Amino acid sequence: MEKLEEQIAHLTRTVEELSDVVARQEAEIATLNRRVFMLMQREGEREAQGSGGVMLGDERPPHY
């Protein structure tokens, strides 16, 4: 019986630790999603203004 109680205590502690990890990851994912959304908006605005400045594949830089 004592061995089962020890196992339950260990499993309970492990579940609590994993729950904390998941909660931290959820907060971090939410922050990263907000940042990606902001970057996408900023890039959309930049493209709308026509100042993208993105070089494609084989294009030479202007100083050549």
PDB file of N, CA and C in Angstrom:
ATOM      1  N   MET A   1       0.823  -1.189   0.000  1.00  0.00           N
ATOM      2  CA  MET A   1       0.000   0.000   0.000  1.00  0.00           C
ATOM      3  C   MET A   1       0.872   1.260   0.000  1.00  0.00           C
ATOM      4  N   GLU A   2       1.937   1.213   0.793  1.00  0.00           N
ATOM      5  CA  GLU A   2       2.831   2.366   0.888  1.00  0.00           C
ATOM      6  C   GLU A   2       3.489   2.660  -0.457  1.00  0.00           C
ATOM      7  N   LYS A   3       3.864   1.609  -1.178  1.00  0.00           N
ATOM      8  CA  LYS A   3       4.489   1.772  -2.486  1.00  0.00           C
ATOM      9  C   LYS A   3       3.519   2.452  -3.455  1.00  0.00           C
ATOM     10  N   LEU A   4       2.250   2.089  -3.406  1.00  0.00           N
ATOM     11  CA  LEU A   4       1.250   2.720  -4.270  1.00  0.00           C
ATOM     12  C   LEU A   4       1.081   4.192  -3.930  1.00  0.00           C
ATOM     13  N   GLU A   5       1.108   4.521  -2.651  1.00  0.00           N
ATOM     14  CA  GLU A   5       0.990   5.919  -2.231  1.00  0.00           C
ATOM     15  C   GLU A   5       2.179   6.733  -2.737  1.00  0.00           C
ATOM     16  N   GLU A   6       3.380   6.141  -2.695  1.00  0.00           N
ATOM     17  CA  GLU A   6       4.570   6.819  -3.207  1.00  0.00           C
ATOM     18  C   GLU A   6       4.450   7.054  -4.710  1.00  0.00           C
ATOM     19  N   GLN A   7       3.971   6.055  -5.426  1.00  0.00           N
ATOM     20  CA  GLN A   7       3.807   6.191  -6.869  1.00  0.00           C
ATOM     21  C   GLN A   7       2.777   7.271  -7.206  1.00  0.00           C
ATOM     22  N   ILE A   8       1.699   7.299  -6.466  1.00  0.00           N
ATOM     23  CA  ILE A   8       0.664   8.316  -6.703  1.00  0.00           C
ATOM     24  C   ILE A   8       1.225   9.705  -6.426  1.00  0.00           C
ATOM     25  N   ALA A   9       1.984   9.840  -5.356  1.00  0.00           N
ATOM     26  CA  ALA A   9       2.585  11.137  -5.032  1.00  0.00           C
ATOM     27  C   ALA A   9       3.547  11.560  -6.138  1.00  0.00           C
ATOM     28  N   HIS A  10       4.354  10.634  -6.623  1.00  0.00           N
ATOM     29  CA  HIS A  10       5.297  10.934  -7.702  1.00  0.00           C
ATOM     30  C   HIS A  10       4.545  11.329  -8.971  1.00  0.00           C
ATOM     31  N   LEU A  11       3.524  10.586  -9.320  1.00  0.00           N
ATOM     32  CA  LEU A  11       2.747  10.885 -10.523  1.00  0.00           C
ATOM     33  C   LEU A  11       2.026  12.224 -10.402  1.00  0.00           C
ATOM     34  N   THR A  12       1.522  12.525  -9.225  1.00  0.00           N
ATOM     35  CA  THR A  12       0.848  13.802  -8.997  1.00  0.00           C
ATOM     36  C   THR A  12       1.826  14.960  -9.188  1.00  0.00           C
ATOM     37  N   ARG A  13       3.013  14.832  -8.633  1.00  0.00           N
ATOM     38  CA  ARG A  13       4.033  15.879  -8.781  1.00  0.00           C
ATOM     39  C   ARG A  13       4.423  16.034 -10.253  1.00  0.00           C
ATOM     40  N   THR A  14       4.583  14.927 -10.958  1.00  0.00           N
ATOM     41  CA  THR A  14       4.945  14.972 -12.368  1.00  0.00           C
ATOM     42  C   THR A  14       3.860  15.654 -13.191  1.00  0.00           C
ATOM     43  N   VAL A  15       2.611  15.344 -12.915  1.00  0.00           N
ATOM     44  CA  VAL A  15       1.494  15.970 -13.636  1.00  0.00           C
ATOM     45  C   VAL A  15       1.480  17.473 -13.373  1.00  0.00           C
ATOM     46  N   GLU A  16       1.715  17.886 -12.154  1.00  0.00           N
ATOM     47  CA  GLU A  16       1.743  19.318 -11.829  1.00  0.00           C
ATOM     48  C   GLU A  16       2.884  20.024 -12.552  1.00  0.00           C
ATOM     49  N   GLU A  17       4.050  19.391 -12.599  1.00  0.00           N
ATOM     50  CA  GLU A  17       5.191  19.973 -13.315  1.00  0.00           C
ATOM     51  C   GLU A  17       4.893  20.092 -14.806  1.00  0.00           C
ATOM     52  N   LEU A  18       4.322  19.054 -15.377  1.00  0.00           N
ATOM     53  CA  LEU A  18       3.979  19.093 -16.799  1.00  0.00           C
ATOM     54  C   LEU A  18       2.915  20.147 -17.081  1.00  0.00           C
ATOM     55  N   SER A  19       1.986  20.314 -16.165  1.00  0.00           N
ATOM     56  CA  SER A  19       0.957  21.334 -16.322  1.00  0.00           C
ATOM     57  C   SER A  19       1.587  22.727 -16.351  1.00  0.00           C
ATOM     58  N   ASP A  20       2.568  22.948 -15.487  1.00  0.00           N
ATOM     59  CA  ASP A  20       3.275  24.233 -15.471  1.00  0.00           C
ATOM     60  C   ASP A  20       4.010  24.469 -16.792  1.00  0.00           C
ATOM     61  N   VAL A  21       4.640  23.428 -17.306  1.00  0.00           N
ATOM     62  CA  VAL A  21       5.363  23.540 -18.579  1.00  0.00           C
ATOM     63  C   VAL A  21       4.391  23.891 -19.701  1.00  0.00           C
ATOM     64  N   VAL A  22       3.269  23.218 -19.735  1.00  0.00           N
ATOM     65  CA  VAL A  22       2.276  23.473 -20.784  1.00  0.00           C
ATOM     66  C   VAL A  22       1.743  24.903 -20.673  1.00  0.00           C
ATOM     67  N   ALA A  23       1.503  25.372 -19.478  1.00  0.00           N
ATOM     68  CA  ALA A  23       1.010  26.736 -19.285  1.00  0.00           C
ATOM     69  C   ALA A  23       2.036  27.752 -19.778  1.00  0.00           C
ATOM     70  N   ARG A  24       3.316  27.540 -19.468  1.00  0.00           N
ATOM     71  CA  ARG A  24       4.365  28.445 -19.962  1.00  0.00           C
ATOM     72  C   ARG A  24       4.444  28.420 -21.479  1.00  0.00           C
ATOM     73  N   GLN A  25       4.363  27.227 -22.053  1.00  0.00           N
ATOM     74  CA  GLN A  25       4.422  27.106 -23.509  1.00  0.00           C
ATOM     75  C   GLN A  25       3.230  27.786 -24.163  1.00  0.00           C
ATOM     76  N   GLU A  26       2.071  27.678 -23.566  1.00  0.00           N
ATOM     77  CA  GLU A  26       0.880  28.335 -24.105  1.00  0.00           C
ATOM     78  C   GLU A  26       1.058  29.849 -24.130  1.00  0.00           C
ATOM     79  N   ALA A  27       1.606  30.398 -23.048  1.00  0.00           N
ATOM     80  CA  ALA A  27       1.843  31.842 -22.993  1.00  0.00           C
ATOM     81  C   ALA A  27       2.880  32.254 -24.036  1.00  0.00           C
ATOM     82  N   GLU A  28       3.928  31.475 -24.184  1.00  0.00           N
ATOM     83  CA  GLU A  28       4.973  31.786 -25.159  1.00  0.00           C
ATOM     84  C   GLU A  28       4.441  31.702 -26.587  1.00  0.00           C
ATOM     85  N   ILE A  29       3.624  30.706 -26.869  1.00  0.00           N
ATOM     86  CA  ILE A  29       3.023  30.570 -28.198  1.00  0.00           C
ATOM     87  C   ILE A  29       2.115  31.751 -28.493  1.00  0.00           C
ATOM     88  N   ALA A  30       1.348  32.182 -27.515  1.00  0.00           N
ATOM     89  CA  ALA A  30       0.468  33.338 -27.712  1.00  0.00           C
ATOM     90  C   ALA A  30       1.293  34.585 -28.023  1.00  0.00           C
ATOM     91  N   THR A  31       2.384  34.782 -27.304  1.00  0.00           N
ATOM     92  CA  THR A  31       3.262  35.926 -27.561  1.00  0.00           C
ATOM     93  C   THR A  31       3.854  35.847 -28.961  1.00  0.00           C
ATOM     94  N   LEU A  32       4.332  34.688 -29.339  1.00  0.00           N
ATOM     95  CA  LEU A  32       4.921  34.520 -30.671  1.00  0.00           C
ATOM     96  C   LEU A  32       3.882  34.728 -31.769  1.00  0.00           C
ATOM     97  N   ASN A  33       2.667  34.262 -31.548  1.00  0.00           N
ATOM     98  CA  ASN A  33       1.602  34.479 -32.532  1.00  0.00           C
ATOM     99  C   ASN A  33       1.314  35.966 -32.711  1.00  0.00           C
ATOM    100  N   ARG A  34       1.283  36.712 -31.605  1.00  0.00           N
ATOM    101  CA  ARG A  34       1.063  38.162 -31.696  1.00  0.00           C
ATOM    102  C   ARG A  34       2.190  38.837 -32.471  1.00  0.00           C
ATOM    103  N   ARG A  35       3.421  38.424 -32.207  1.00  0.00           N
ATOM    104  CA  ARG A  35       4.565  39.020 -32.901  1.00  0.00           C
ATOM    105  C   ARG A  35       4.528  38.711 -34.393  1.00  0.00           C
ATOM    106  N   VAL A  36       4.215  37.477 -34.746  1.00  0.00           N
ATOM    107  CA  VAL A  36       4.128  37.113 -36.163  1.00  0.00           C
ATOM    108  C   VAL A  36       3.019  37.914 -36.838  1.00  0.00           C
ATOM    109  N   PHE A  37       1.886  38.067 -36.165  1.00  0.00           N
ATOM    110  CA  PHE A  37       0.785  38.849 -36.726  1.00  0.00           C
ATOM    111  C   PHE A  37       1.219  40.290 -36.969  1.00  0.00           C
ATOM    112  N   MET A  38       1.924  40.875 -35.993  1.00  0.00           N
ATOM    113  CA  MET A  38       2.394  42.251 -36.145  1.00  0.00           C
ATOM    114  C   MET A  38       3.387  42.365 -37.306  1.00  0.00           C
ATOM    115  N   LEU A  39       4.286  41.395 -37.427  1.00  0.00           N
ATOM    116  CA  LEU A  39       5.246  41.418 -38.536  1.00  0.00           C
ATOM    117  C   LEU A  39       4.551  41.275 -39.883  1.00  0.00           C
ATOM    118  N   MET A  40       3.529  40.426 -39.931  1.00  0.00           N
ATOM    119  CA  MET A  40       2.779  40.251 -41.182  1.00  0.00           C
ATOM    120  C   MET A  40       2.066  41.544 -41.549  1.00  0.00           C
ATOM    121  N   GLN A  41       1.490  42.220 -40.565  1.00  0.00           N
ATOM    122  CA  GLN A  41       0.834  43.497 -40.834  1.00  0.00           C
ATOM    123  C   GLN A  41       1.845  44.527 -41.337  1.00  0.00           C
ATOM    124  N   ARG A  42       2.972  44.597 -40.673  1.00  0.00           N
ATOM    125  CA  ARG A  42       4.006  45.563 -41.053  1.00  0.00           C
ATOM    126  C   ARG A  42       4.500  45.291 -42.473  1.00  0.00           C
ATOM    127  N   GLU A  43       4.706  44.031 -42.803  1.00  0.00           N
ATOM    128  CA  GLU A  43       5.162  43.682 -44.150  1.00  0.00           C
ATOM    129  C   GLU A  43       4.079  43.980 -45.177  1.00  0.00           C
ATOM    130  N   GLY A  44       2.823  43.742 -44.830  1.00  0.00           N
ATOM    131  CA  GLY A  44       1.717  44.078 -45.724  1.00  0.00           C
ATOM    132  C   GLY A  44       1.657  45.565 -46.003  1.00  0.00           C
ATOM    133  N   GLU A  45       1.858  46.369 -44.973  1.00  0.00           N
ATOM    134  CA  GLU A  45       1.876  47.822 -45.154  1.00  0.00           C
ATOM    135  C   GLU A  45       3.050  48.243 -46.021  1.00  0.00           C
ATOM    136  N   ARG A  46       4.198  47.615 -45.821  1.00  0.00           N
ATOM    137  CA  ARG A  46       5.384  47.941 -46.603  1.00  0.00           C
ATOM    138  C   ARG A  46       5.165  47.599 -48.077  1.00  0.00           C
ATOM    139  N   GLU A  47       4.549  46.453 -48.340  1.00  0.00           N
ATOM    140  CA  GLU A  47       4.256  46.060 -49.723  1.00  0.00           C
ATOM    141  C   GLU A  47       3.244  47.008 -50.350  1.00  0.00           C
ATOM    142  N   ALA A  48       2.260  47.442 -49.568  1.00  0.00           N
ATOM    143  CA  ALA A  48       1.241  48.353 -50.082  1.00  0.00           C
ATOM    144  C   ALA A  48       1.851  49.703 -50.466  1.00  0.00           C
ATOM    145  N   GLN A  49       2.905  50.096 -49.773  1.00  0.00           N
ATOM    146  CA  GLN A  49       3.566  51.357 -50.075  1.00  0.00           C
ATOM    147  C   GLN A  49       4.543  51.223 -51.242  1.00  0.00           C
ATOM    148  N   GLY A  50       4.814  49.989 -51.658  1.00  0.00           N
ATOM    149  CA  GLY A  50       5.702  49.766 -52.793  1.00  0.00           C
ATOM    150  C   GLY A  50       7.170  49.835 -52.442  1.00  0.00           C
ATOM    151  N   SER A  51       7.516  49.809 -51.182  1.00  0.00           N
ATOM    152  CA  SER A  51       8.928  49.861 -50.803  1.00  0.00           C
ATOM    153  C   SER A  51       9.375  48.527 -50.228  1.00  0.00           C
ATOM    154  N   GLY A  52       8.996  47.449 -50.893  1.00  0.00           N
ATOM    155  CA  GLY A  52       9.336  46.117 -50.412  1.00  0.00           C
ATOM    156  C   GLY A  52      10.826  45.885 -50.325  1.00  0.00           C
ATOM    157  N   GLY A  53      11.555  46.234 -51.395  1.00  0.00           N
ATOM    158  CA  GLY A  53      12.996  46.083 -51.389  1.00  0.00           C
ATOM    159  C   GLY A  53      13.469  44.649 -51.279  1.00  0.00           C
ATOM    160  N   VAL A  54      12.686  43.709 -51.720  1.00  0.00           N
ATOM    161  CA  VAL A  54      13.059  42.311 -51.632  1.00  0.00           C
ATOM    162  C   VAL A  54      13.722  41.889 -52.939  1.00  0.00           C
ATOM    163  N   MET A  55      14.923  41.295 -52.837  1.00  0.00           N
ATOM    164  CA  MET A  55      15.603  40.807 -54.031  1.00  0.00           C
ATOM    165  C   MET A  55      15.151  39.381 -54.294  1.00  0.00           C
ATOM    166  N   LEU A  56      14.918  39.079 -55.540  1.00  0.00           N
ATOM    167  CA  LEU A  56      14.489  37.742 -55.910  1.00  0.00           C
ATOM    168  C   LEU A  56      15.622  37.006 -56.598  1.00  0.00           C
ATOM    169  N   GLY A  57      15.803  35.754 -56.245  1.00  0.00           N
ATOM    170  CA  GLY A  57      16.716  34.823 -56.883  1.00  0.00           C
ATOM    171  C   GLY A  57      17.955  35.386 -57.536  1.00  0.00           C
ATOM    172  N   ASP A  58      17.934  35.529 -58.890  1.00  0.00           N
ATOM    173  CA  ASP A  58      19.123  35.868 -59.658  1.00  0.00           C
ATOM    174  C   ASP A  58      19.305  37.359 -59.902  1.00  0.00           C
ATOM    175  N   GLU A  59      18.516  38.203 -59.290  1.00  0.00           N
ATOM    176  CA  GLU A  59      18.652  39.625 -59.507  1.00  0.00           C
ATOM    177  C   GLU A  59      19.972  40.124 -58.922  1.00  0.00           C
ATOM    178  N   ARG A  60      20.601  41.041 -59.631  1.00  0.00           N
ATOM    179  CA  ARG A  60      21.829  41.633 -59.138  1.00  0.00           C
ATOM    180  C   ARG A  60      21.501  42.842 -58.268  1.00  0.00           C
ATOM    181  N   PRO A  61      22.304  43.068 -57.247  1.00  0.00           N
ATOM    182  CA  PRO A  61      22.101  44.251 -56.434  1.00  0.00           C
ATOM    183  C   PRO A  61      22.334  45.518 -57.288  1.00  0.00           C
ATOM    184  N   PRO A  62      21.790  46.654 -56.903  1.00  0.00           N
ATOM    185  CA  PRO A  62      21.880  47.860 -57.708  1.00  0.00           C
ATOM    186  C   PRO A  62      23.304  48.373 -57.926  1.00  0.00           C
ATOM    187  N   HIS A  63      24.268  48.004 -57.085  1.00  0.00           N
ATOM    188  CA  HIS A  63      25.621  48.540 -57.237  1.00  0.00           C
ATOM    189  C   HIS A  63      26.427  47.818 -58.295  1.00  0.00           C
ATOM    190  N   TYR A  64      25.882  46.803 -59.004  1.00  0.00           N
ATOM    191  CA  TYR A  64      26.629  46.098 -60.051  1.00  0.00           C
ATOM    192  C   TYR A  64      26.433  46.764 -61.373  1.00  0.00           C
TER     193      TYR A  64
END
